[in-house]
Amino acid sequence: MKVRKTPFVQEVLFCKGERNMMVADNYVVWREGDGDPLDGLYDAKIIERVRASTYPFSG
């Protein structure tokens, strides 16, 4: 698997175990057998942008 350096991800961790997986900025973005890891990296960035764009409201 090749993962190129992406400017929008600060930290990527590769974990080996029962199921190999990749964690980017505290999100599990890929597990062995789940498809393309780059798709997971983009999903993590989208989640962070949505989280940053929503303002906390209290009832």
Protein backbone atom coordinates (compact mmCIF):
# COMPACT_ATOMS: atom_id res chain seq x y z
CA MET A 1 0.00 0.00 0.00
CA LYS A 2 1.35 3.42 -0.93
CA VAL A 3 0.13 6.51 0.91
CA ARG A 4 1.53 9.76 -0.32
CA LYS A 5 2.07 12.65 2.05
CA THR A 6 -1.09 14.73 2.20
CA PRO A 7 -0.87 18.33 3.42
CA PHE A 8 -4.21 18.24 5.25
CA VAL A 9 -3.40 15.32 7.56
CA GLN A 10 -1.10 16.08 10.47
CA GLU A 11 -0.51 12.59 11.84
CA VAL A 12 -0.92 9.11 10.36
CA LEU A 13 -0.44 5.96 12.43
CA PHE A 14 -0.27 2.42 11.07
CA CYS A 15 -1.38 -0.30 13.48
CA LYS A 16 -0.65 -3.99 13.05
CA GLY A 17 -2.73 -6.47 14.91
CA GLU A 18 -5.68 -8.76 14.40
CA ARG A 19 -6.77 -6.38 11.63
CA ASN A 20 -4.22 -3.95 10.21
CA MET A 21 -5.52 -0.39 10.26
CA MET A 22 -4.56 3.22 9.68
CA VAL A 23 -5.44 6.13 11.99
CA ALA A 24 -5.27 9.75 10.79
CA ASP A 25 -5.80 12.66 13.17
CA ASN A 26 -7.55 10.37 15.70
CA TYR A 27 -9.94 8.83 13.13
CA VAL A 28 -9.73 5.23 11.99
CA VAL A 29 -9.64 5.84 8.26
CA TRP A 30 -8.84 2.35 6.98
CA ARG A 31 -9.01 -1.25 8.09
CA GLU A 32 -7.56 -4.20 6.21
CA GLY A 33 -9.99 -5.21 3.48
CA ASP A 34 -12.00 -1.96 3.58
CA GLY A 35 -10.90 -0.45 0.25
CA ASP A 36 -8.69 2.51 -0.58
CA PRO A 37 -7.02 4.20 2.41
CA LEU A 38 -6.91 7.56 0.59
CA ASP A 39 -10.71 7.68 0.61
CA GLY A 40 -10.59 7.42 4.39
CA LEU A 41 -8.09 10.27 4.61
CA TYR A 42 -10.40 12.53 2.62
CA ASP A 43 -13.39 11.47 4.78
CA ALA A 44 -11.49 12.43 7.95
CA LYS A 45 -10.79 15.88 6.53
CA ILE A 46 -14.44 16.38 5.56
CA ILE A 47 -15.55 15.43 9.08
CA GLU A 48 -13.10 17.94 10.59
CA ARG A 49 -14.28 20.73 8.29
CA VAL A 50 -17.95 20.08 9.08
CA ARG A 51 -17.16 20.00 12.79
CA ALA A 52 -15.29 23.31 12.53
CA SER A 53 -18.08 24.98 10.52
CA THR A 54 -20.90 24.14 12.94
CA TYR A 55 -21.28 26.40 15.95
CA PRO A 56 -22.17 24.92 19.32
CA PHE A 57 -25.71 25.77 20.34
CA SER A 58 -27.19 25.19 23.75
CA GLY A 59 -30.88 24.72 24.34
